[in-house]
Amino acid sequence: MFWWFWGAYLSRSTVWAVEPADAGDADELAAIHASAFARGWSIDEMDALLNDRSVVGCVLRREGSERPHGFALSRVAEDEAEVLSVAVAEARRGLGGGALLLSQHLGRLSNRGVRRVVLEVDEDNAPALALYGRFGFTQVGRRPAYYAKADGTRAAAHVLALELP
């Protein structure tokens, strides 16, 4: 029991770093994406996104480590960005890294002149909806049967938007 508590304490005291993503991260980011979504992106799809000049990417790492534990990718067009995906490795969820990742990612978008950010999120993804709500995202639409689920059913997506200062 003591070791479980100590391990939980140490993992919650993780110091995170958020850095720009690059194509060298494609394989690990594809694995994180596949663990978070019913239809994960392939390494080739991830590589293409990371090499797309209109895509802004951030990677979450433990400070001092090269291994990614999460990422955020957005496509920028003029002063608007669409969040393509935000994912944190399953073993690292709930440790505060996702909030830091999203905060830093939104800051990078703002620094590039983005004034409005939009995204879709599965209506059943309560943790993501709560995170986006804390940042001020509001629902502006709904897309029925948008996401394919692992069991073959489909889930609706909430379309959320945030105006950046």
C-alpha atoms as a PDB file:
ATOM      1  CA  MET A   1       0.000   0.000   0.000  1.00  0.00           C
ATOM      2  CA  PHE A   2       2.754   2.461   0.908  1.00  0.00           C
ATOM      3  CA  TRP A   3       4.508   1.940  -2.447  1.00  0.00           C
ATOM      4  CA  TRP A   4       1.315   2.621  -4.390  1.00  0.00           C
ATOM      5  CA  PHE A   5       0.825   5.880  -2.461  1.00  0.00           C
ATOM      6  CA  TRP A   6       4.434   6.938  -2.969  1.00  0.00           C
ATOM      7  CA  GLY A   7       4.255   6.145  -6.705  1.00  0.00           C
ATOM      8  CA  ALA A   8       1.059   8.187  -7.003  1.00  0.00           C
ATOM      9  CA  TYR A   9       2.696  11.060  -5.126  1.00  0.00           C
ATOM     10  CA  LEU A  10       5.780  11.034  -7.343  1.00  0.00           C
ATOM     11  CA  SER A  11       3.758  10.878 -10.556  1.00  0.00           C
ATOM     12  CA  ARG A  12       1.629  13.844  -9.456  1.00  0.00           C
ATOM     13  CA  SER A  13       4.754  15.883  -8.804  1.00  0.00           C
ATOM     14  CA  THR A  14       5.912  15.424 -12.402  1.00  0.00           C
ATOM     15  CA  VAL A  15       7.464  18.526 -13.909  1.00  0.00           C
ATOM     16  CA  TRP A  16       6.247  18.884 -17.486  1.00  0.00           C
ATOM     17  CA  ALA A  17       7.787  20.637 -20.459  1.00  0.00           C
ATOM     18  CA  VAL A  18       5.954  21.628 -23.645  1.00  0.00           C
ATOM     19  CA  GLU A  19       8.038  21.941 -26.795  1.00  0.00           C
ATOM     20  CA  PRO A  20       7.411  22.338 -30.519  1.00  0.00           C
ATOM     21  CA  ALA A  21       6.644  19.035 -32.230  1.00  0.00           C
ATOM     22  CA  ASP A  22       8.784  17.829 -35.101  1.00  0.00           C
ATOM     23  CA  ALA A  23       8.673  14.983 -37.625  1.00  0.00           C
ATOM     24  CA  GLY A  24      11.058  12.916 -35.504  1.00  0.00           C
ATOM     25  CA  ASP A  25       8.211  12.448 -33.026  1.00  0.00           C
ATOM     26  CA  ALA A  26       5.781  10.958 -35.601  1.00  0.00           C
ATOM     27  CA  ASP A  27       5.995   7.311 -34.507  1.00  0.00           C
ATOM     28  CA  GLU A  28       5.492   8.001 -30.800  1.00  0.00           C
ATOM     29  CA  LEU A  29       2.746  10.576 -31.407  1.00  0.00           C
ATOM     30  CA  ALA A  30       0.922   8.120 -33.680  1.00  0.00           C
ATOM     31  CA  ALA A  31       1.069   5.530 -30.870  1.00  0.00           C
ATOM     32  CA  ILE A  32      -0.344   8.045 -28.360  1.00  0.00           C
ATOM     33  CA  HIS A  33      -3.109   8.981 -30.811  1.00  0.00           C
ATOM     34  CA  ALA A  34      -3.973   5.314 -31.423  1.00  0.00           C
ATOM     35  CA  SER A  35      -4.283   4.730 -27.676  1.00  0.00           C
ATOM     36  CA  ALA A  36      -6.650   7.680 -27.285  1.00  0.00           C
ATOM     37  CA  PHE A  37      -9.006   7.283 -30.264  1.00  0.00           C
ATOM     38  CA  ALA A  38     -10.904   4.421 -31.906  1.00  0.00           C
ATOM     39  CA  ARG A  39      -9.300   5.265 -35.254  1.00  0.00           C
ATOM     40  CA  GLY A  40      -5.726   6.299 -34.646  1.00  0.00           C
ATOM     41  CA  TRP A  41      -3.576   8.077 -37.180  1.00  0.00           C
ATOM     42  CA  SER A  42      -0.827   6.105 -38.889  1.00  0.00           C
ATOM     43  CA  ILE A  43       2.823   7.115 -38.641  1.00  0.00           C
ATOM     44  CA  ASP A  44       2.611   8.359 -42.248  1.00  0.00           C
ATOM     45  CA  GLU A  45      -0.465  10.491 -41.469  1.00  0.00           C
ATOM     46  CA  MET A  46       1.226  11.919 -38.379  1.00  0.00           C
ATOM     47  CA  ASP A  47       4.419  12.581 -40.323  1.00  0.00           C
ATOM     48  CA  ALA A  48       2.468  14.421 -43.029  1.00  0.00           C
ATOM     49  CA  LEU A  49       0.797  16.626 -40.403  1.00  0.00           C
ATOM     50  CA  LEU A  50       4.082  17.379 -38.657  1.00  0.00           C
ATOM     51  CA  ASN A  51       5.616  18.406 -41.995  1.00  0.00           C
ATOM     52  CA  ASP A  52       2.648  20.584 -43.010  1.00  0.00           C
ATOM     53  CA  ARG A  53       3.604  24.271 -42.681  1.00  0.00           C
ATOM     54  CA  SER A  54       0.030  25.199 -41.736  1.00  0.00           C
ATOM     55  CA  VAL A  55       0.067  22.824 -38.737  1.00  0.00           C
ATOM     56  CA  VAL A  56       1.245  23.976 -35.324  1.00  0.00           C
ATOM     57  CA  GLY A  57       2.262  21.155 -33.015  1.00  0.00           C
ATOM     58  CA  CYS A  58       3.266  20.948 -29.374  1.00  0.00           C
ATOM     59  CA  VAL A  59       4.632  17.942 -27.519  1.00  0.00           C
ATOM     60  CA  LEU A  60       4.301  17.223 -23.807  1.00  0.00           C
ATOM     61  CA  ARG A  61       7.379  15.676 -22.198  1.00  0.00           C
ATOM     62  CA  ARG A  62       8.552  15.077 -18.683  1.00  0.00           C
ATOM     63  CA  GLU A  63      11.189  17.684 -18.015  1.00  0.00           C
ATOM     64  CA  GLY A  64      14.599  16.299 -18.964  1.00  0.00           C
ATOM     65  CA  SER A  65      13.127  13.480 -21.071  1.00  0.00           C
ATOM     66  CA  GLU A  66      13.020  13.062 -24.835  1.00  0.00           C
ATOM     67  CA  ARG A  67       9.958  10.782 -24.793  1.00  0.00           C
ATOM     68  CA  PRO A  68       6.647  12.437 -25.689  1.00  0.00           C
ATOM     69  CA  HIS A  69       3.713  11.823 -23.343  1.00  0.00           C
ATOM     70  CA  GLY A  70       1.172  13.911 -25.230  1.00  0.00           C
ATOM     71  CA  PHE A  71       0.657  16.324 -28.071  1.00  0.00           C
ATOM     72  CA  ALA A  72      -1.596  19.002 -29.535  1.00  0.00           C
ATOM     73  CA  LEU A  73      -1.910  19.725 -33.253  1.00  0.00           C
ATOM     74  CA  SER A  74      -3.816  22.556 -34.935  1.00  0.00           C
ATOM     75  CA  ARG A  75      -4.165  23.700 -38.517  1.00  0.00           C
ATOM     76  CA  VAL A  76      -3.948  27.483 -38.952  1.00  0.00           C
ATOM     77  CA  ALA A  77      -5.687  29.445 -41.701  1.00  0.00           C
ATOM     78  CA  GLU A  78      -5.412  33.224 -41.473  1.00  0.00           C
ATOM     79  CA  ASP A  79      -6.512  34.195 -37.940  1.00  0.00           C
ATOM     80  CA  GLU A  80      -8.380  30.955 -37.175  1.00  0.00           C
ATOM     81  CA  ALA A  81      -7.126  27.556 -36.068  1.00  0.00           C
ATOM     82  CA  GLU A  82      -8.775  24.168 -35.952  1.00  0.00           C
ATOM     83  CA  VAL A  83      -7.518  21.868 -33.226  1.00  0.00           C
ATOM     84  CA  LEU A  84      -6.936  18.586 -35.022  1.00  0.00           C
ATOM     85  CA  SER A  85      -6.123  16.539 -31.941  1.00  0.00           C
ATOM     86  CA  VAL A  86      -5.052  16.744 -28.329  1.00  0.00           C
ATOM     87  CA  ALA A  87      -3.989  13.496 -26.685  1.00  0.00           C
ATOM     88  CA  VAL A  88      -2.089  12.431 -23.589  1.00  0.00           C
ATOM     89  CA  ALA A  89      -0.708   8.932 -23.092  1.00  0.00           C
ATOM     90  CA  GLU A  90      -3.082   6.879 -20.977  1.00  0.00           C
ATOM     91  CA  ALA A  91      -0.562   6.336 -18.174  1.00  0.00           C
ATOM     92  CA  ARG A  92      -0.020  10.114 -17.892  1.00  0.00           C
ATOM     93  CA  ARG A  93      -3.639  11.306 -17.878  1.00  0.00           C
ATOM     94  CA  GLY A  94      -4.904  13.139 -14.820  1.00  0.00           C
ATOM     95  CA  LEU A  95      -1.472  14.449 -13.821  1.00  0.00           C
ATOM     96  CA  GLY A  96      -1.913  18.034 -15.018  1.00  0.00           C
ATOM     97  CA  GLY A  97       0.046  17.693 -18.248  1.00  0.00           C
ATOM     98  CA  GLY A  98      -2.994  18.074 -20.491  1.00  0.00           C
ATOM     99  CA  ALA A  99      -3.901  21.473 -19.054  1.00  0.00           C
ATOM    100  CA  LEU A 100      -0.328  22.726 -19.412  1.00  0.00           C
ATOM    101  CA  LEU A 101      -0.155  21.339 -22.949  1.00  0.00           C
ATOM    102  CA  LEU A 102      -3.391  23.056 -23.994  1.00  0.00           C
ATOM    103  CA  SER A 103      -2.369  26.322 -22.337  1.00  0.00           C
ATOM    104  CA  GLN A 104       1.007  26.393 -24.094  1.00  0.00           C
ATOM    105  CA  HIS A 105      -0.550  25.343 -27.399  1.00  0.00           C
ATOM    106  CA  LEU A 106      -3.149  28.117 -27.262  1.00  0.00           C
ATOM    107  CA  GLY A 107      -0.343  30.574 -26.451  1.00  0.00           C
ATOM    108  CA  ARG A 108       1.612  29.475 -29.526  1.00  0.00           C
ATOM    109  CA  LEU A 109      -1.502  29.878 -31.661  1.00  0.00           C
ATOM    110  CA  SER A 110      -2.099  33.359 -30.250  1.00  0.00           C
ATOM    111  CA  ASN A 111       1.517  34.305 -30.962  1.00  0.00           C
ATOM    112  CA  ARG A 112       0.928  33.332 -34.615  1.00  0.00           C
ATOM    113  CA  GLY A 113      -1.981  35.766 -34.845  1.00  0.00           C
ATOM    114  CA  VAL A 114      -4.797  33.284 -34.298  1.00  0.00           C
ATOM    115  CA  ARG A 115      -7.882  34.958 -32.806  1.00  0.00           C
ATOM    116  CA  ARG A 116     -10.418  32.096 -32.974  1.00  0.00           C
ATOM    117  CA  VAL A 117      -9.903  28.409 -32.224  1.00  0.00           C
ATOM    118  CA  VAL A 118     -12.446  25.693 -33.080  1.00  0.00           C
ATOM    119  CA  LEU A 119     -12.505  21.976 -32.365  1.00  0.00           C
ATOM    120  CA  GLU A 120     -14.735  18.921 -32.228  1.00  0.00           C
ATOM    121  CA  VAL A 121     -14.929  16.673 -29.188  1.00  0.00           C
ATOM    122  CA  ASP A 122     -16.874  13.476 -28.551  1.00  0.00           C
ATOM    123  CA  GLU A 123     -19.941  14.377 -26.507  1.00  0.00           C
ATOM    124  CA  ASP A 124     -19.168  11.414 -24.214  1.00  0.00           C
ATOM    125  CA  ASN A 125     -15.614  12.614 -23.436  1.00  0.00           C
ATOM    126  CA  ALA A 126     -16.338  14.269 -20.089  1.00  0.00           C
ATOM    127  CA  PRO A 127     -12.673  14.907 -19.141  1.00  0.00           C
ATOM    128  CA  ALA A 128     -11.988  16.704 -22.448  1.00  0.00           C
ATOM    129  CA  LEU A 129     -15.204  18.708 -22.238  1.00  0.00           C
ATOM    130  CA  ALA A 130     -14.289  19.765 -18.691  1.00  0.00           C
ATOM    131  CA  LEU A 131     -10.766  20.760 -19.768  1.00  0.00           C
ATOM    132  CA  TYR A 132     -11.994  22.806 -22.712  1.00  0.00           C
ATOM    133  CA  GLY A 133     -14.650  24.405 -20.511  1.00  0.00           C
ATOM    134  CA  ARG A 134     -11.977  25.537 -18.023  1.00  0.00           C
ATOM    135  CA  PHE A 135     -10.258  27.348 -20.886  1.00  0.00           C
ATOM    136  CA  GLY A 136     -13.454  29.114 -21.920  1.00  0.00           C
ATOM    137  CA  PHE A 137     -14.446  27.087 -24.980  1.00  0.00           C
ATOM    138  CA  THR A 138     -18.197  27.237 -25.652  1.00  0.00           C
ATOM    139  CA  GLN A 139     -20.386  24.992 -27.748  1.00  0.00           C
ATOM    140  CA  VAL A 140     -21.275  26.499 -31.112  1.00  0.00           C
ATOM    141  CA  GLY A 141     -22.630  23.403 -32.847  1.00  0.00           C
ATOM    142  CA  ARG A 142     -23.150  19.650 -32.836  1.00  0.00           C
ATOM    143  CA  ARG A 143     -22.319  16.998 -35.426  1.00  0.00           C
ATOM    144  CA  PRO A 144     -24.443  13.844 -35.126  1.00  0.00           C
ATOM    145  CA  ALA A 145     -22.715  10.482 -35.701  1.00  0.00           C
ATOM    146  CA  TYR A 146     -19.354  12.221 -36.233  1.00  0.00           C
ATOM    147  CA  TYR A 147     -17.040   9.809 -34.412  1.00  0.00           C
ATOM    148  CA  ALA A 148     -16.718   6.069 -35.031  1.00  0.00           C
ATOM    149  CA  LYS A 149     -16.504   4.189 -31.740  1.00  0.00           C
ATOM    150  CA  ALA A 150     -14.590   0.965 -31.130  1.00  0.00           C
ATOM    151  CA  ASP A 151     -17.860  -1.004 -30.803  1.00  0.00           C
ATOM    152  CA  GLY A 152     -19.035   0.109 -34.259  1.00  0.00           C
ATOM    153  CA  THR A 153     -21.517   2.707 -33.045  1.00  0.00           C
ATOM    154  CA  ARG A 154     -21.178   6.410 -33.747  1.00  0.00           C
ATOM    155  CA  ALA A 155     -21.003   9.330 -31.332  1.00  0.00           C
ATOM    156  CA  ALA A 156     -21.929  12.942 -31.835  1.00  0.00           C
ATOM    157  CA  ALA A 157     -19.345  15.686 -31.652  1.00  0.00           C
ATOM    158  CA  HIS A 158     -19.735  18.986 -29.885  1.00  0.00           C
ATOM    159  CA  VAL A 159     -18.235  21.811 -31.918  1.00  0.00           C
ATOM    160  CA  LEU A 160     -16.508  24.224 -29.537  1.00  0.00           C
ATOM    161  CA  ALA A 161     -14.969  27.631 -30.133  1.00  0.00           C
ATOM    162  CA  LEU A 162     -12.754  30.018 -28.204  1.00  0.00           C
ATOM    163  CA  GLU A 163     -11.948  33.637 -28.983  1.00  0.00           C
ATOM    164  CA  LEU A 164      -8.331  34.431 -28.107  1.00  0.00           C
ATOM    165  CA  PRO A 165      -7.335  37.861 -26.792  1.00  0.00           C
END
